[in-house]
Amino acid sequence: DRVMVMHSGKVVGELTGAECTQEAVMRLATGGS
């Protein structure tokens, strides 16, 4: 229902609805926005 993304031991973002795409998750997971 929601995806919380972590990077380097911290939460870097939360995605839900239409904004929750594979591309957005990967971008956050690799340290991007």
Full PDB file with SEQRES, HELIX, SHEET, SSBOND, CRYST1, ORIGX, SCALE, CONECT and MASTER records, all heavy atoms in Angstrom:
SEQRES   1 A   33  ASP ARG VAL MET VAL MET HIS SER GLY LYS VAL VAL GLY          
SEQRES   2 A   33  GLU LEU THR GLY ALA GLU CYS THR GLN GLU ALA VAL MET          
SEQRES   3 A   33  ARG LEU ALA THR GLY GLY SER                                  
HELIX    1 AA1 GLY A   17  GLU A   19  5                                   3    
HELIX    2 AA2 GLN A   22  ALA A   29  1                                   8    
SHEET    1 AA1 2 ARG A   2  HIS A   7  0                                        
SHEET    2 AA1 2 LYS A  10  THR A  16 -1                                        
CRYST1    1.000    1.000    1.000  90.00  90.00  90.00 P 1           1          
ORIGX1      1.000000  0.000000  0.000000        0.00000                         
ORIGX2      0.000000  1.000000  0.000000        0.00000                         
ORIGX3      0.000000  0.000000  1.000000        0.00000                         
SCALE1      1.000000  0.000000  0.000000        0.00000                         
SCALE2      0.000000  1.000000  0.000000        0.00000                         
SCALE3      0.000000  0.000000  1.000000        0.00000                         
ATOM      1  N   ASP A   1       0.830  -1.199   0.000  1.00  0.00           N  
ATOM      2  CA  ASP A   1       0.000   0.000   0.000  1.00  0.00           C  
ATOM      3  C   ASP A   1       0.871   1.259   0.000  1.00  0.00           C  
ATOM      4  O   ASP A   1       0.515   2.271  -0.589  1.00  0.00           O  
ATOM      5  CB  ASP A   1      -0.913   0.009   1.234  1.00  0.00           C  
ATOM      6  CG  ASP A   1      -1.881  -1.157   1.224  1.00  0.00           C  
ATOM      7  OD1 ASP A   1      -2.776  -1.160   0.358  1.00  0.00           O  
ATOM      8  OD2 ASP A   1      -1.745  -2.061   2.058  1.00  0.00           O  
ATOM      9  N   ARG A   2       1.986   1.167   0.700  1.00  0.00           N  
ATOM     10  CA  ARG A   2       2.997   2.229   0.702  1.00  0.00           C  
ATOM     11  C   ARG A   2       4.364   1.566   0.641  1.00  0.00           C  
ATOM     12  O   ARG A   2       4.513   0.427   1.072  1.00  0.00           O  
ATOM     13  CB  ARG A   2       2.941   3.063   1.999  1.00  0.00           C  
ATOM     14  CG  ARG A   2       1.756   3.962   2.156  1.00  0.00           C  
ATOM     15  CD  ARG A   2       1.872   4.766   3.457  1.00  0.00           C  
ATOM     16  NE  ARG A   2       1.746   3.927   4.645  1.00  0.00           N  
ATOM     17  CZ  ARG A   2       2.567   3.947   5.677  1.00  0.00           C  
ATOM     18  NH1 ARG A   2       3.633   4.755   5.684  1.00  0.00           N  
ATOM     19  NH2 ARG A   2       2.364   3.163   6.735  1.00  0.00           N  
ATOM     20  N   VAL A   3       5.346   2.296   0.124  1.00  0.00           N  
ATOM     21  CA  VAL A   3       6.710   1.775   0.099  1.00  0.00           C  
ATOM     22  C   VAL A   3       7.640   2.786   0.760  1.00  0.00           C  
ATOM     23  O   VAL A   3       7.691   3.954   0.360  1.00  0.00           O  
ATOM     24  CB  VAL A   3       7.192   1.489  -1.340  1.00  0.00           C  
ATOM     25  CG1 VAL A   3       8.663   1.049  -1.325  1.00  0.00           C  
ATOM     26  CG2 VAL A   3       6.333   0.413  -1.993  1.00  0.00           C  
ATOM     27  N   MET A   4       8.346   2.329   1.786  1.00  0.00           N  
ATOM     28  CA  MET A   4       9.369   3.120   2.460  1.00  0.00           C  
ATOM     29  C   MET A   4      10.722   2.652   1.933  1.00  0.00           C  
ATOM     30  O   MET A   4      10.998   1.455   1.900  1.00  0.00           O  
ATOM     31  CB  MET A   4       9.271   2.897   3.973  1.00  0.00           C  
ATOM     32  CG  MET A   4      10.220   3.706   4.811  1.00  0.00           C  
ATOM     33  SD  MET A   4       9.884   3.451   6.596  1.00  0.00           S  
ATOM     34  CE  MET A   4      10.756   1.903   6.888  1.00  0.00           C  
ATOM     35  N   VAL A   5      11.536   3.595   1.499  1.00  0.00           N  
ATOM     36  CA  VAL A   5      12.808   3.242   0.878  1.00  0.00           C  
ATOM     37  C   VAL A   5      13.953   3.632   1.803  1.00  0.00           C  
ATOM     38  O   VAL A   5      13.968   4.730   2.372  1.00  0.00           O  
ATOM     39  CB  VAL A   5      12.980   3.939  -0.491  1.00  0.00           C  
ATOM     40  CG1 VAL A   5      14.253   3.440  -1.176  1.00  0.00           C  
ATOM     41  CG2 VAL A   5      11.770   3.681  -1.385  1.00  0.00           C  
ATOM     42  N   MET A   6      14.915   2.689   1.954  1.00  0.00           N  
ATOM     43  CA  MET A   6      16.073   2.935   2.799  1.00  0.00           C  
ATOM     44  C   MET A   6      17.352   2.987   1.966  1.00  0.00           C  
ATOM     45  O   MET A   6      17.475   2.310   0.937  1.00  0.00           O  
ATOM     46  CB  MET A   6      16.188   1.856   3.878  1.00  0.00           C  
ATOM     47  CG  MET A   6      15.035   1.851   4.861  1.00  0.00           C  
ATOM     48  SD  MET A   6      15.273   0.669   6.239  1.00  0.00           S  
ATOM     49  CE  MET A   6      16.668   1.436   7.101  1.00  0.00           C  
ATOM     50  N   HIS A   7      18.283   3.793   2.440  1.00  0.00           N  
ATOM     51  CA  HIS A   7      19.599   3.921   1.787  1.00  0.00           C  
ATOM     52  C   HIS A   7      20.617   4.268   2.860  1.00  0.00           C  
ATOM     53  O   HIS A   7      20.411   5.206   3.642  1.00  0.00           O  
ATOM     54  CB  HIS A   7      19.568   5.014   0.714  1.00  0.00           C  
ATOM     55  CG  HIS A   7      20.906   5.290   0.089  1.00  0.00           C  
ATOM     56  ND1 HIS A   7      21.502   4.422  -0.804  1.00  0.00           N  
ATOM     57  CD2 HIS A   7      21.771   6.337   0.225  1.00  0.00           C  
ATOM     58  CE1 HIS A   7      22.660   4.909  -1.186  1.00  0.00           C  
ATOM     59  NE2 HIS A   7      22.852   6.070  -0.581  1.00  0.00           N  
ATOM     60  N   SER A   8      21.690   3.493   2.951  1.00  0.00           N  
ATOM     61  CA  SER A   8      22.768   3.744   3.916  1.00  0.00           C  
ATOM     62  C   SER A   8      22.255   3.833   5.354  1.00  0.00           C  
ATOM     63  O   SER A   8      22.658   4.713   6.111  1.00  0.00           O  
ATOM     64  CB  SER A   8      23.538   5.014   3.540  1.00  0.00           C  
ATOM     65  OG  SER A   8      24.146   4.869   2.275  1.00  0.00           O  
ATOM     66  N   GLY A   9      21.318   2.948   5.707  1.00  0.00           N  
ATOM     67  CA  GLY A   9      20.856   2.868   7.078  1.00  0.00           C  
ATOM     68  C   GLY A   9      19.804   3.869   7.493  1.00  0.00           C  
ATOM     69  O   GLY A   9      19.442   3.933   8.672  1.00  0.00           O  
ATOM     70  N   LYS A  10      19.299   4.645   6.563  1.00  0.00           N  
ATOM     71  CA  LYS A  10      18.276   5.624   6.917  1.00  0.00           C  
ATOM     72  C   LYS A  10      17.133   5.604   5.908  1.00  0.00           C  
ATOM     73  O   LYS A  10      17.292   5.139   4.769  1.00  0.00           O  
ATOM     74  CB  LYS A  10      18.883   7.025   7.006  1.00  0.00           C  
ATOM     75  CG  LYS A  10      19.523   7.511   5.720  1.00  0.00           C  
ATOM     76  CD  LYS A  10      20.197   8.855   5.936  1.00  0.00           C  
ATOM     77  CE  LYS A  10      20.874   9.350   4.652  1.00  0.00           C  
ATOM     78  NZ  LYS A  10      21.567  10.641   4.858  1.00  0.00           N  
ATOM     79  N   VAL A  11      15.988   6.114   6.327  1.00  0.00           N  
ATOM     80  CA  VAL A  11      14.833   6.221   5.434  1.00  0.00           C  
ATOM     81  C   VAL A  11      15.013   7.468   4.568  1.00  0.00           C  
ATOM     82  O   VAL A  11      15.216   8.566   5.084  1.00  0.00           O  
ATOM     83  CB  VAL A  11      13.525   6.324   6.244  1.00  0.00           C  
ATOM     84  CG1 VAL A  11      12.336   6.527   5.310  1.00  0.00           C  
ATOM     85  CG2 VAL A  11      13.324   5.068   7.098  1.00  0.00           C  
ATOM     86  N   VAL A  12      14.960   7.273   3.250  1.00  0.00           N  
ATOM     87  CA  VAL A  12      15.198   8.392   2.336  1.00  0.00           C  
ATOM     88  C   VAL A  12      13.938   8.822   1.594  1.00  0.00           C  
ATOM     89  O   VAL A  12      13.960   9.806   0.847  1.00  0.00           O  
ATOM     90  CB  VAL A  12      16.309   8.051   1.327  1.00  0.00           C  
ATOM     91  CG1 VAL A  12      17.644   7.932   2.037  1.00  0.00           C  
ATOM     92  CG2 VAL A  12      15.988   6.767   0.558  1.00  0.00           C  
ATOM     93  N   GLY A  13      12.843   8.110   1.806  1.00  0.00           N  
ATOM     94  CA  GLY A  13      11.611   8.527   1.143  1.00  0.00           C  
ATOM     95  C   GLY A  13      10.496   7.528   1.330  1.00  0.00           C  
ATOM     96  O   GLY A  13      10.716   6.382   1.751  1.00  0.00           O  
ATOM     97  N   GLU A  14       9.286   7.978   1.065  1.00  0.00           N  
ATOM     98  CA  GLU A  14       8.106   7.119   1.129  1.00  0.00           C  
ATOM     99  C   GLU A  14       7.248   7.405  -0.091  1.00  0.00           C  
ATOM    100  O   GLU A  14       7.029   8.562  -0.454  1.00  0.00           O  
ATOM    101  CB  GLU A  14       7.319   7.397   2.410  1.00  0.00           C  
ATOM    102  CG  GLU A  14       6.149   6.458   2.622  1.00  0.00           C  
ATOM    103  CD  GLU A  14       5.415   6.730   3.924  1.00  0.00           C  
ATOM    104  OE1 GLU A  14       5.988   6.470   4.997  1.00  0.00           O  
ATOM    105  OE2 GLU A  14       4.273   7.220   3.853  1.00  0.00           O  
ATOM    106  N   LEU A  15       6.790   6.345  -0.735  1.00  0.00           N  
ATOM    107  CA  LEU A  15       6.039   6.475  -1.976  1.00  0.00           C  
ATOM    108  C   LEU A  15       4.683   5.794  -1.833  1.00  0.00           C  
ATOM    109  O   LEU A  15       4.554   4.760  -1.182  1.00  0.00           O  
ATOM    110  CB  LEU A  15       6.807   5.824  -3.124  1.00  0.00           C  
ATOM    111  CG  LEU A  15       8.209   6.387  -3.408  1.00  0.00           C  
ATOM    112  CD1 LEU A  15       8.978   5.440  -4.319  1.00  0.00           C  
ATOM    113  CD2 LEU A  15       8.124   7.779  -4.010  1.00  0.00           C  
ATOM    114  N   THR A  16       3.686   6.387  -2.455  1.00  0.00           N  
ATOM    115  CA  THR A  16       2.348   5.809  -2.424  1.00  0.00           C  
ATOM    116  C   THR A  16       1.611   6.185  -3.696  1.00  0.00           C  
ATOM    117  O   THR A  16       1.972   7.152  -4.386  1.00  0.00           O  
ATOM    118  CB  THR A  16       1.563   6.299  -1.193  1.00  0.00           C  
ATOM    119  OG1 THR A  16       0.325   5.585  -1.107  1.00  0.00           O  
ATOM    120  CG2 THR A  16       1.274   7.790  -1.269  1.00  0.00           C  
ATOM    121  N   GLY A  17       0.576   5.425  -4.020  1.00  0.00           N  
ATOM    122  CA  GLY A  17      -0.254   5.750  -5.172  1.00  0.00           C  
ATOM    123  C   GLY A  17       0.515   5.755  -6.481  1.00  0.00           C  
ATOM    124  O   GLY A  17       1.433   4.946  -6.695  1.00  0.00           O  
ATOM    125  N   ALA A  18       0.161   6.687  -7.357  1.00  0.00           N  
ATOM    126  CA  ALA A  18       0.754   6.749  -8.690  1.00  0.00           C  
ATOM    127  C   ALA A  18       2.250   7.051  -8.662  1.00  0.00           C  
ATOM    128  O   ALA A  18       2.983   6.718  -9.599  1.00  0.00           O  
ATOM    129  CB  ALA A  18       0.033   7.803  -9.530  1.00  0.00           C  
ATOM    130  N   GLU A  19       2.721   7.691  -7.593  1.00  0.00           N  
ATOM    131  CA  GLU A  19       4.150   8.019  -7.505  1.00  0.00           C  
ATOM    132  C   GLU A  19       5.008   6.808  -7.177  1.00  0.00           C  
ATOM    133  O   GLU A  19       6.228   6.846  -7.316  1.00  0.00           O  
ATOM    134  CB  GLU A  19       4.380   9.094  -6.442  1.00  0.00           C  
ATOM    135  CG  GLU A  19       4.114   8.633  -5.016  1.00  0.00           C  
ATOM    136  CD  GLU A  19       4.366   9.703  -3.972  1.00  0.00           C  
ATOM    137  OE1 GLU A  19       4.757  10.829  -4.359  1.00  0.00           O  
ATOM    138  OE2 GLU A  19       4.183   9.409  -2.773  1.00  0.00           O  
ATOM    139  N   CYS A  20       4.372   5.723  -6.750  1.00  0.00           N  
ATOM    140  CA  CYS A  20       5.112   4.522  -6.341  1.00  0.00           C  
ATOM    141  C   CYS A  20       5.363   3.648  -7.570  1.00  0.00           C  
ATOM    142  O   CYS A  20       4.593   2.738  -7.885  1.00  0.00           O  
ATOM    143  CB  CYS A  20       4.339   3.756  -5.274  1.00  0.00           C  
ATOM    144  SG  CYS A  20       5.285   2.388  -4.577  1.00  0.00           S  
ATOM    145  N   THR A  21       6.428   3.927  -8.259  1.00  0.00           N  
ATOM    146  CA  THR A  21       6.824   3.160  -9.434  1.00  0.00           C  
ATOM    147  C   THR A  21       8.163   2.486  -9.165  1.00  0.00           C  
ATOM    148  O   THR A  21       8.907   2.865  -8.253  1.00  0.00           O  
ATOM    149  CB  THR A  21       6.962   4.065 -10.665  1.00  0.00           C  
ATOM    150  OG1 THR A  21       8.032   5.005 -10.431  1.00  0.00           O  
ATOM    151  CG2 THR A  21       5.668   4.828 -10.936  1.00  0.00           C  
ATOM    152  N   GLN A  22       8.478   1.491  -9.988  1.00  0.00           N  
ATOM    153  CA  GLN A  22       9.760   0.813  -9.831  1.00  0.00           C  
ATOM    154  C   GLN A  22      10.921   1.788 -10.031  1.00  0.00           C  
ATOM    155  O   GLN A  22      11.930   1.720  -9.325  1.00  0.00           O  
ATOM    156  CB  GLN A  22       9.864  -0.323 -10.841  1.00  0.00           C  
ATOM    157  CG  GLN A  22       8.844  -1.434 -10.619  1.00  0.00           C  
ATOM    158  CD  GLN A  22       8.995  -2.574 -11.595  1.00  0.00           C  
ATOM    159  OE1 GLN A  22      10.106  -3.025 -11.860  1.00  0.00           O  
ATOM    160  NE2 GLN A  22       7.883  -3.046 -12.133  1.00  0.00           N  
ATOM    161  N   GLU A  23      10.752   2.702 -10.971  1.00  0.00           N  
ATOM    162  CA  GLU A  23      11.809   3.673 -11.241  1.00  0.00           C  
ATOM    163  C   GLU A  23      12.031   4.587 -10.048  1.00  0.00           C  
ATOM    164  O   GLU A  23      13.175   4.880  -9.675  1.00  0.00           O  
ATOM    165  CB  GLU A  23      11.461   4.504 -12.483  1.00  0.00           C  
ATOM    166  CG  GLU A  23      11.450   3.725 -13.787  1.00  0.00           C  
ATOM    167  CD  GLU A  23      10.190   2.894 -13.981  1.00  0.00           C  
ATOM    168  OE1 GLU A  23       9.233   3.045 -13.174  1.00  0.00           O  
ATOM    169  OE2 GLU A  23      10.174   2.066 -14.913  1.00  0.00           O  
ATOM    170  N   ALA A  24      10.938   5.052  -9.420  1.00  0.00           N  
ATOM    171  CA  ALA A  24      11.062   5.955  -8.273  1.00  0.00           C  
ATOM    172  C   ALA A  24      11.714   5.241  -7.088  1.00  0.00           C  
ATOM    173  O   ALA A  24      12.547   5.818  -6.379  1.00  0.00           O  
ATOM    174  CB  ALA A  24       9.685   6.494  -7.885  1.00  0.00           C  
ATOM    175  N   VAL A  25      11.340   3.972  -6.870  1.00  0.00           N  
ATOM    176  CA  VAL A  25      11.940   3.200  -5.782  1.00  0.00           C  
ATOM    177  C   VAL A  25      13.439   3.033  -6.014  1.00  0.00           C  
ATOM    178  O   VAL A  25      14.258   3.253  -5.117  1.00  0.00           O  
ATOM    179  CB  VAL A  25      11.258   1.823  -5.644  1.00  0.00           C  
ATOM    180  CG1 VAL A  25      12.036   0.934  -4.660  1.00  0.00           C  
ATOM    181  CG2 VAL A  25       9.820   1.979  -5.171  1.00  0.00           C  
ATOM    182  N   MET A  26      13.819   2.659  -7.232  1.00  0.00           N  
ATOM    183  CA  MET A  26      15.235   2.463  -7.526  1.00  0.00           C  
ATOM    184  C   MET A  26      16.030   3.753  -7.413  1.00  0.00           C  
ATOM    185  O   MET A  26      17.163   3.768  -6.917  1.00  0.00           O  
ATOM    186  CB  MET A  26      15.395   1.863  -8.936  1.00  0.00           C  
ATOM    187  CG  MET A  26      16.856   1.591  -9.312  1.00  0.00           C  
ATOM    188  SD  MET A  26      17.697   0.490  -8.133  1.00  0.00           S  
ATOM    189  CE  MET A  26      16.991  -1.079  -8.611  1.00  0.00           C  
ATOM    190  N   ARG A  27      15.425   4.857  -7.809  1.00  0.00           N  
ATOM    191  CA  ARG A  27      16.108   6.139  -7.723  1.00  0.00           C  
ATOM    192  C   ARG A  27      16.429   6.485  -6.263  1.00  0.00           C  
ATOM    193  O   ARG A  27      17.532   6.903  -5.930  1.00  0.00           O  
ATOM    194  CB  ARG A  27      15.240   7.234  -8.357  1.00  0.00           C  
ATOM    195  CG  ARG A  27      15.987   8.519  -8.724  1.00  0.00           C  
ATOM    196  CD  ARG A  27      15.110   9.493  -9.474  1.00  0.00           C  
ATOM    197  NE  ARG A  27      14.786   8.978 -10.809  1.00  0.00           N  
ATOM    198  CZ  ARG A  27      13.555   8.697 -11.223  1.00  0.00           C  
ATOM    199  NH1 ARG A  27      12.531   8.861 -10.414  1.00  0.00           N  
ATOM    200  NH2 ARG A  27      13.354   8.256 -12.426  1.00  0.00           N  
ATOM    201  N   LEU A  28      15.446   6.276  -5.387  1.00  0.00           N  
ATOM    202  CA  LEU A  28      15.671   6.534  -3.972  1.00  0.00           C  
ATOM    203  C   LEU A  28      16.659   5.538  -3.371  1.00  0.00           C  
ATOM    204  O   LEU A  28      17.528   5.904  -2.575  1.00  0.00           O  
ATOM    205  CB  LEU A  28      14.344   6.460  -3.200  1.00  0.00           C  
ATOM    206  CG  LEU A  28      13.389   7.637  -3.348  1.00  0.00           C  
ATOM    207  CD1 LEU A  28      12.021   7.281  -2.778  1.00  0.00           C  
ATOM    208  CD2 LEU A  28      13.946   8.883  -2.670  1.00  0.00           C  
ATOM    209  N   ALA A  29      16.545   4.293  -3.765  1.00  0.00           N  
ATOM    210  CA  ALA A  29      17.394   3.255  -3.195  1.00  0.00           C  
ATOM    211  C   ALA A  29      18.867   3.458  -3.535  1.00  0.00           C  
ATOM    212  O   ALA A  29      19.753   3.008  -2.803  1.00  0.00           O  
ATOM    213  CB  ALA A  29      16.936   1.879  -3.674  1.00  0.00           C  
ATOM    214  N   THR A  30      19.120   4.134  -4.656  1.00  0.00           N  
ATOM    215  CA  THR A  30      20.500   4.376  -5.069  1.00  0.00           C  
ATOM    216  C   THR A  30      20.998   5.756  -4.657  1.00  0.00           C  
ATOM    217  O   THR A  30      22.043   6.213  -5.113  1.00  0.00           O  
ATOM    218  CB  THR A  30      20.644   4.212  -6.591  1.00  0.00           C  
ATOM    219  OG1 THR A  30      19.659   5.018  -7.266  1.00  0.00           O  
ATOM    220  CG2 THR A  30      20.440   2.759  -7.005  1.00  0.00           C  
ATOM    221  N   GLY A  31      20.208   6.435  -3.806  1.00  0.00           N  
ATOM    222  CA  GLY A  31      20.670   7.703  -3.251  1.00  0.00           C  
ATOM    223  C   GLY A  31      20.189   8.932  -3.992  1.00  0.00           C  
ATOM    224  O   GLY A  31      20.589  10.055  -3.653  1.00  0.00           O  
ATOM    225  N   GLY A  32      19.299   8.752  -4.970  1.00  0.00           N  
ATOM    226  CA  GLY A  32      18.780   9.899  -5.708  1.00  0.00           C  
ATOM    227  C   GLY A  32      17.498  10.426  -5.072  1.00  0.00           C  
ATOM    228  O   GLY A  32      17.115  10.048  -3.973  1.00  0.00           O  
ATOM    229  N   SER A  33      16.795  11.282  -5.793  1.00  0.00           N  
ATOM    230  CA  SER A  33      15.529  11.839  -5.333  1.00  0.00           C  
ATOM    231  C   SER A  33      14.401  11.044  -5.936  1.00  0.00           C  
ATOM    232  O   SER A  33      14.565  10.289  -6.896  1.00  0.00           O  
ATOM    233  CB  SER A  33      15.402  13.308  -5.738  1.00  0.00           C  
ATOM    234  OG  SER A  33      15.418  13.454  -7.141  1.00  0.00           O  
TER     235      SER A  33                                                      
MASTER        0    0    0    2    2    0    0    6  234    1    0    3          
END                                                                             
